[in-house]
């Protein structure tokens, strides 16, 4: 699940200040789950933009904004897109990019994309992955220190971790304390003795 947060309405209005005849595209997967782009949020955005003088020509709710097949598939959802002069996507950055790839109009996003997360046992999990392309999360009991440790430490906690809390943000649990407890629970504390080399982050 891609974790997003809604931009303030004032910021969206600033983005659209030179635009009109707006068509809104939501996302019925991640953004709907997070209430940043499902049908209720899309309808509320239509209303708010109209109240601020913008003409909203229509809206559509594809299954996933990041998986739009073609412009024609959007027309099938709502032919009023043909009257649009710009698109506002209420999804993640990938949804904005996917939409821009199939329309010849300015495309803007109403959300900030924060991280790759998920949900488990009814709880929203954020910062589960930074999509580094070199996944070793299984060696840490399913908790990724690259995404959940502010310092990205791969070989144990820093010296600033106190009583299981993060030095950078004392409201957060130190991910290394959580990794230790998880590995202990599954009888794999031996994995803590594995030395992980620094990661190469250079672009190729």
C-alpha atoms as a PDB file:
ATOM      1  CA  UNK A   1       0.000   0.000   0.000  1.00  0.00           C
ATOM      2  CA  UNK A   2       1.292   3.439  -0.938  1.00  0.00           C
ATOM      3  CA  UNK A   3       0.922   5.841   1.986  1.00  0.00           C
ATOM      4  CA  UNK A   4      -0.344   9.293   1.018  1.00  0.00           C
ATOM      5  CA  UNK A   5      -1.561  12.372   2.823  1.00  0.00           C
ATOM      6  CA  UNK A   6      -3.870  15.013   1.372  1.00  0.00           C
ATOM      7  CA  UNK A   7      -2.398  18.377   0.494  1.00  0.00           C
ATOM      8  CA  UNK A   8      -4.138  21.363   2.126  1.00  0.00           C
ATOM      9  CA  UNK A   9      -6.943  22.745  -0.040  1.00  0.00           C
ATOM     10  CA  UNK A  10      -5.099  26.071  -0.239  1.00  0.00           C
ATOM     11  CA  UNK A  11      -2.125  24.345  -1.862  1.00  0.00           C
ATOM     12  CA  UNK A  12      -4.359  22.553  -4.369  1.00  0.00           C
ATOM     13  CA  UNK A  13      -6.068  25.819  -5.274  1.00  0.00           C
ATOM     14  CA  UNK A  14      -2.653  27.398  -5.812  1.00  0.00           C
ATOM     15  CA  UNK A  15      -1.651  24.503  -8.082  1.00  0.00           C
ATOM     16  CA  UNK A  16      -4.845  25.004 -10.094  1.00  0.00           C
ATOM     17  CA  UNK A  17      -4.839  28.812 -10.045  1.00  0.00           C
ATOM     18  CA  UNK A  18      -4.320  29.093 -13.814  1.00  0.00           C
ATOM     19  CA  UNK A  19      -6.477  26.082 -14.664  1.00  0.00           C
ATOM     20  CA  UNK A  20     -10.183  25.429 -15.117  1.00  0.00           C
ATOM     21  CA  UNK A  21     -12.495  22.712 -16.466  1.00  0.00           C
ATOM     22  CA  UNK A  22     -10.995  20.225 -14.050  1.00  0.00           C
ATOM     23  CA  UNK A  23     -11.570  16.481 -14.259  1.00  0.00           C
ATOM     24  CA  UNK A  24     -10.837  14.556 -11.041  1.00  0.00           C
ATOM     25  CA  UNK A  25      -9.490  11.006 -10.945  1.00  0.00           C
ATOM     26  CA  UNK A  26      -9.538   9.107  -7.660  1.00  0.00           C
ATOM     27  CA  UNK A  27      -8.023   5.783  -6.648  1.00  0.00           C
ATOM     28  CA  UNK A  28     -10.153   2.952  -5.309  1.00  0.00           C
ATOM     29  CA  UNK A  29      -7.239   1.079  -3.758  1.00  0.00           C
ATOM     30  CA  UNK A  30      -4.585   2.723  -1.570  1.00  0.00           C
ATOM     31  CA  UNK A  31      -6.006   6.262  -1.556  1.00  0.00           C
ATOM     32  CA  UNK A  32      -9.503   4.956  -0.828  1.00  0.00           C
ATOM     33  CA  UNK A  33      -8.172   2.943   2.105  1.00  0.00           C
ATOM     34  CA  UNK A  34      -6.387   6.018   3.475  1.00  0.00           C
ATOM     35  CA  UNK A  35      -9.325   8.344   2.736  1.00  0.00           C
ATOM     36  CA  UNK A  36      -7.229  10.534   0.459  1.00  0.00           C
ATOM     37  CA  UNK A  37      -8.877   9.643  -2.851  1.00  0.00           C
ATOM     38  CA  UNK A  38     -11.849   7.313  -2.580  1.00  0.00           C
ATOM     39  CA  UNK A  39     -15.342   8.248  -3.740  1.00  0.00           C
ATOM     40  CA  UNK A  40     -16.288  10.327  -0.648  1.00  0.00           C
ATOM     41  CA  UNK A  41     -13.060  12.326  -0.931  1.00  0.00           C
ATOM     42  CA  UNK A  42     -13.453  12.813  -4.691  1.00  0.00           C
ATOM     43  CA  UNK A  43     -17.013  14.105  -4.248  1.00  0.00           C
ATOM     44  CA  UNK A  44     -15.858  16.415  -1.449  1.00  0.00           C
ATOM     45  CA  UNK A  45     -13.058  17.742  -3.680  1.00  0.00           C
ATOM     46  CA  UNK A  46     -15.540  18.396  -6.508  1.00  0.00           C
ATOM     47  CA  UNK A  47     -17.671  20.402  -4.110  1.00  0.00           C
ATOM     48  CA  UNK A  48     -14.770  22.353  -2.622  1.00  0.00           C
ATOM     49  CA  UNK A  49     -13.327  23.306  -5.995  1.00  0.00           C
ATOM     50  CA  UNK A  50     -16.733  24.442  -7.245  1.00  0.00           C
ATOM     51  CA  UNK A  51     -17.157  26.518  -4.087  1.00  0.00           C
ATOM     52  CA  UNK A  52     -13.859  28.251  -4.901  1.00  0.00           C
ATOM     53  CA  UNK A  53     -14.870  29.098  -8.439  1.00  0.00           C
ATOM     54  CA  UNK A  54     -13.411  26.152 -10.339  1.00  0.00           C
ATOM     55  CA  UNK A  55     -15.493  24.334 -12.929  1.00  0.00           C
ATOM     56  CA  UNK A  56     -15.308  20.593 -12.375  1.00  0.00           C
ATOM     57  CA  UNK A  57     -16.427  18.835 -15.557  1.00  0.00           C
ATOM     58  CA  UNK A  58     -16.597  15.385 -13.987  1.00  0.00           C
ATOM     59  CA  UNK A  59     -14.794  12.641 -12.140  1.00  0.00           C
ATOM     60  CA  UNK A  60     -13.870   8.975 -12.374  1.00  0.00           C
ATOM     61  CA  UNK A  61     -12.773   6.313  -9.941  1.00  0.00           C
ATOM     62  CA  UNK A  62     -10.592   3.695 -11.637  1.00  0.00           C
ATOM     63  CA  UNK A  63      -9.698   0.621  -9.625  1.00  0.00           C
ATOM     64  CA  UNK A  64      -6.158   1.954  -9.208  1.00  0.00           C
ATOM     65  CA  UNK A  65      -4.871   5.307 -10.443  1.00  0.00           C
ATOM     66  CA  UNK A  66      -1.433   3.780 -10.991  1.00  0.00           C
ATOM     67  CA  UNK A  67      -2.801   1.172 -13.440  1.00  0.00           C
ATOM     68  CA  UNK A  68      -4.721   3.193 -16.014  1.00  0.00           C
ATOM     69  CA  UNK A  69      -4.666   1.268 -19.296  1.00  0.00           C
ATOM     70  CA  UNK A  70      -5.437   4.056 -21.736  1.00  0.00           C
ATOM     71  CA  UNK A  71      -7.216   7.332 -22.341  1.00  0.00           C
ATOM     72  CA  UNK A  72     -10.082   5.309 -23.800  1.00  0.00           C
ATOM     73  CA  UNK A  73     -10.501   3.447 -20.515  1.00  0.00           C
ATOM     74  CA  UNK A  74     -10.978   6.805 -18.784  1.00  0.00           C
ATOM     75  CA  UNK A  75     -13.521   7.846 -21.389  1.00  0.00           C
ATOM     76  CA  UNK A  76     -15.391   4.610 -20.663  1.00  0.00           C
ATOM     77  CA  UNK A  77     -15.543   5.630 -17.007  1.00  0.00           C
ATOM     78  CA  UNK A  78     -16.840   9.117 -17.806  1.00  0.00           C
ATOM     79  CA  UNK A  79     -17.064  10.726 -21.256  1.00  0.00           C
ATOM     80  CA  UNK A  80     -16.979  14.173 -19.651  1.00  0.00           C
ATOM     81  CA  UNK A  81     -13.196  13.836 -19.473  1.00  0.00           C
ATOM     82  CA  UNK A  82     -13.265  14.960 -23.124  1.00  0.00           C
ATOM     83  CA  UNK A  83     -14.289  18.425 -21.877  1.00  0.00           C
ATOM     84  CA  UNK A  84     -11.429  18.698 -19.398  1.00  0.00           C
ATOM     85  CA  UNK A  85      -8.575  21.140 -19.715  1.00  0.00           C
ATOM     86  CA  UNK A  86      -6.644  19.639 -16.795  1.00  0.00           C
ATOM     87  CA  UNK A  87      -6.707  16.573 -14.540  1.00  0.00           C
ATOM     88  CA  UNK A  88      -6.440  16.396 -10.758  1.00  0.00           C
ATOM     89  CA  UNK A  89      -5.395  12.948  -9.527  1.00  0.00           C
ATOM     90  CA  UNK A  90      -6.282  12.027  -5.958  1.00  0.00           C
ATOM     91  CA  UNK A  91      -3.774   9.212  -5.684  1.00  0.00           C
ATOM     92  CA  UNK A  92      -0.044   8.737  -5.226  1.00  0.00           C
ATOM     93  CA  UNK A  93       2.707  10.133  -7.414  1.00  0.00           C
ATOM     94  CA  UNK A  94       2.611   6.973  -9.498  1.00  0.00           C
ATOM     95  CA  UNK A  95      -1.067   7.619 -10.203  1.00  0.00           C
ATOM     96  CA  UNK A  96      -0.246  11.134 -11.402  1.00  0.00           C
ATOM     97  CA  UNK A  97       2.501   9.775 -13.671  1.00  0.00           C
ATOM     98  CA  UNK A  98       0.332   6.948 -15.051  1.00  0.00           C
ATOM     99  CA  UNK A  99      -2.455   9.394 -15.852  1.00  0.00           C
ATOM    100  CA  UNK A 100      -0.083  11.888 -17.485  1.00  0.00           C
ATOM    101  CA  UNK A 101       1.160   9.058 -19.665  1.00  0.00           C
ATOM    102  CA  UNK A 102      -2.253   8.586 -21.326  1.00  0.00           C
ATOM    103  CA  UNK A 103      -3.659  12.136 -21.548  1.00  0.00           C
ATOM    104  CA  UNK A 104      -2.449  15.202 -23.408  1.00  0.00           C
ATOM    105  CA  UNK A 105      -3.435  17.594 -20.632  1.00  0.00           C
ATOM    106  CA  UNK A 106      -1.779  19.090 -17.552  1.00  0.00           C
ATOM    107  CA  UNK A 107      -2.029  16.555 -14.708  1.00  0.00           C
ATOM    108  CA  UNK A 108      -1.697  17.538 -11.043  1.00  0.00           C
ATOM    109  CA  UNK A 109      -1.737  15.606  -7.777  1.00  0.00           C
ATOM    110  CA  UNK A 110      -3.780  16.400  -4.673  1.00  0.00           C
ATOM    111  CA  UNK A 111      -1.723  14.169  -2.361  1.00  0.00           C
ATOM    112  CA  UNK A 112       1.785  13.872  -0.999  1.00  0.00           C
ATOM    113  CA  UNK A 113       3.306  10.409  -1.365  1.00  0.00           C
ATOM    114  CA  UNK A 114       4.951   9.432   1.919  1.00  0.00           C
ATOM    115  CA  UNK A 115       6.062   5.810   1.872  1.00  0.00           C
ATOM    116  CA  UNK A 116       5.291   2.218   1.030  1.00  0.00           C
ATOM    117  CA  UNK A 117       3.287   0.708   3.850  1.00  0.00           C
ATOM    118  CA  UNK A 118       0.585  -1.801   4.552  1.00  0.00           C
ATOM    119  CA  UNK A 119      -2.039  -2.881   7.015  1.00  0.00           C
ATOM    120  CA  UNK A 120      -2.052  -5.776   9.439  1.00  0.00           C
ATOM    121  CA  UNK A 121      -4.450  -6.751  12.211  1.00  0.00           C
ATOM    122  CA  UNK A 122      -6.480  -3.627  11.500  1.00  0.00           C
ATOM    123  CA  UNK A 123      -3.476  -1.358  12.018  1.00  0.00           C
ATOM    124  CA  UNK A 124      -2.002   0.952   9.373  1.00  0.00           C
ATOM    125  CA  UNK A 125       1.718   0.340   8.940  1.00  0.00           C
ATOM    126  CA  UNK A 126       3.798   3.159   7.474  1.00  0.00           C
ATOM    127  CA  UNK A 127       7.417   3.288   6.309  1.00  0.00           C
ATOM    128  CA  UNK A 128       7.572  -0.446   5.716  1.00  0.00           C
ATOM    129  CA  UNK A 129       9.797  -0.172   2.653  1.00  0.00           C
ATOM    130  CA  UNK A 130      11.846   2.405   0.741  1.00  0.00           C
ATOM    131  CA  UNK A 131      11.889   0.272  -2.431  1.00  0.00           C
ATOM    132  CA  UNK A 132      15.707   0.260  -2.535  1.00  0.00           C
ATOM    133  CA  UNK A 133      15.829  -2.683  -4.932  1.00  0.00           C
ATOM    134  CA  UNK A 134      18.024  -4.770  -2.598  1.00  0.00           C
ATOM    135  CA  UNK A 135      15.583  -6.405  -0.185  1.00  0.00           C
ATOM    136  CA  UNK A 136      16.979  -8.045   2.953  1.00  0.00           C
ATOM    137  CA  UNK A 137      13.957  -7.537   5.211  1.00  0.00           C
ATOM    138  CA  UNK A 138      13.711 -11.272   5.929  1.00  0.00           C
ATOM    139  CA  UNK A 139      17.067 -11.108   7.696  1.00  0.00           C
ATOM    140  CA  UNK A 140      15.614  -8.608  10.178  1.00  0.00           C
ATOM    141  CA  UNK A 141      12.478 -10.520  11.132  1.00  0.00           C
ATOM    142  CA  UNK A 142      10.339  -8.664   8.595  1.00  0.00           C
ATOM    143  CA  UNK A 143      11.234  -5.185   9.906  1.00  0.00           C
ATOM    144  CA  UNK A 144      13.323  -3.083   7.538  1.00  0.00           C
ATOM    145  CA  UNK A 145      15.943  -0.911   9.266  1.00  0.00           C
ATOM    146  CA  UNK A 146      16.620   0.897   5.987  1.00  0.00           C
ATOM    147  CA  UNK A 147      13.099   2.327   6.041  1.00  0.00           C
ATOM    148  CA  UNK A 148      12.331   2.430   9.760  1.00  0.00           C
ATOM    149  CA  UNK A 149      15.629   3.592  11.253  1.00  0.00           C
ATOM    150  CA  UNK A 150      16.181   7.331  10.564  1.00  0.00           C
ATOM    151  CA  UNK A 151      19.900   6.580  10.252  1.00  0.00           C
ATOM    152  CA  UNK A 152      19.387   3.488   8.094  1.00  0.00           C
ATOM    153  CA  UNK A 153      21.616   1.416  10.383  1.00  0.00           C
ATOM    154  CA  UNK A 154      22.042  -2.205   9.274  1.00  0.00           C
ATOM    155  CA  UNK A 155      24.087  -3.644  12.149  1.00  0.00           C
ATOM    156  CA  UNK A 156      22.275  -2.727  15.338  1.00  0.00           C
ATOM    157  CA  UNK A 157      21.096   0.390  17.127  1.00  0.00           C
ATOM    158  CA  UNK A 158      23.046   3.605  17.503  1.00  0.00           C
ATOM    159  CA  UNK A 159      24.426   4.741  20.831  1.00  0.00           C
ATOM    160  CA  UNK A 160      21.542   7.173  21.261  1.00  0.00           C
ATOM    161  CA  UNK A 161      18.772   4.611  21.589  1.00  0.00           C
ATOM    162  CA  UNK A 162      17.456   4.707  25.170  1.00  0.00           C
ATOM    163  CA  UNK A 163      15.019   2.250  26.750  1.00  0.00           C
ATOM    164  CA  UNK A 164      13.952   1.000  23.327  1.00  0.00           C
ATOM    165  CA  UNK A 165      13.135   4.465  22.005  1.00  0.00           C
ATOM    166  CA  UNK A 166      14.570   6.214  18.951  1.00  0.00           C
ATOM    167  CA  UNK A 167      17.139   8.964  19.496  1.00  0.00           C
ATOM    168  CA  UNK A 168      15.828  10.977  16.535  1.00  0.00           C
ATOM    169  CA  UNK A 169      12.165  10.781  17.549  1.00  0.00           C
ATOM    170  CA  UNK A 170      11.693   9.658  21.145  1.00  0.00           C
ATOM    171  CA  UNK A 171       8.008   8.949  20.500  1.00  0.00           C
ATOM    172  CA  UNK A 172       8.965   6.092  18.173  1.00  0.00           C
ATOM    173  CA  UNK A 173      10.222   2.686  19.182  1.00  0.00           C
ATOM    174  CA  UNK A 174      13.776   1.968  18.056  1.00  0.00           C
ATOM    175  CA  UNK A 175      13.363  -0.440  15.150  1.00  0.00           C
ATOM    176  CA  UNK A 176      16.384  -2.374  16.399  1.00  0.00           C
ATOM    177  CA  UNK A 177      14.636  -3.037  19.701  1.00  0.00           C
ATOM    178  CA  UNK A 178      11.680  -4.320  17.693  1.00  0.00           C
ATOM    179  CA  UNK A 179      13.949  -6.419  15.462  1.00  0.00           C
ATOM    180  CA  UNK A 180      15.547  -7.991  18.520  1.00  0.00           C
ATOM    181  CA  UNK A 181      12.175  -8.887  20.024  1.00  0.00           C
ATOM    182  CA  UNK A 182      10.899 -10.292  16.709  1.00  0.00           C
ATOM    183  CA  UNK A 183      14.007 -12.421  16.134  1.00  0.00           C
ATOM    184  CA  UNK A 184      13.889 -13.653  19.721  1.00  0.00           C
ATOM    185  CA  UNK A 185      10.245 -14.635  19.296  1.00  0.00           C
ATOM    186  CA  UNK A 186      10.988 -16.715  16.193  1.00  0.00           C
ATOM    187  CA  UNK A 187      14.210 -18.200  17.624  1.00  0.00           C
ATOM    188  CA  UNK A 188      16.483 -16.492  15.080  1.00  0.00           C
ATOM    189  CA  UNK A 189      18.699 -14.290  17.241  1.00  0.00           C
ATOM    190  CA  UNK A 190      21.604 -15.802  15.305  1.00  0.00           C
ATOM    191  CA  UNK A 191      20.749 -13.382  12.494  1.00  0.00           C
ATOM    192  CA  UNK A 192      21.983 -10.512  14.674  1.00  0.00           C
ATOM    193  CA  UNK A 193      25.522 -11.846  14.232  1.00  0.00           C
ATOM    194  CA  UNK A 194      25.415 -11.373  10.465  1.00  0.00           C
ATOM    195  CA  UNK A 195      27.444  -8.303   9.445  1.00  0.00           C
ATOM    196  CA  UNK A 196      25.766  -6.311   6.676  1.00  0.00           C
ATOM    197  CA  UNK A 197      28.036  -4.340   4.357  1.00  0.00           C
ATOM    198  CA  UNK A 198      27.179  -0.722   3.508  1.00  0.00           C
ATOM    199  CA  UNK A 199      24.783  -0.397   0.601  1.00  0.00           C
ATOM    200  CA  UNK A 200      25.816   1.113  -2.697  1.00  0.00           C
ATOM    201  CA  UNK A 201      23.359   3.898  -3.470  1.00  0.00           C
ATOM    202  CA  UNK A 202      25.073   5.377  -6.529  1.00  0.00           C
ATOM    203  CA  UNK A 203      22.891   5.794  -9.603  1.00  0.00           C
ATOM    204  CA  UNK A 204      23.950   3.641 -12.522  1.00  0.00           C
END
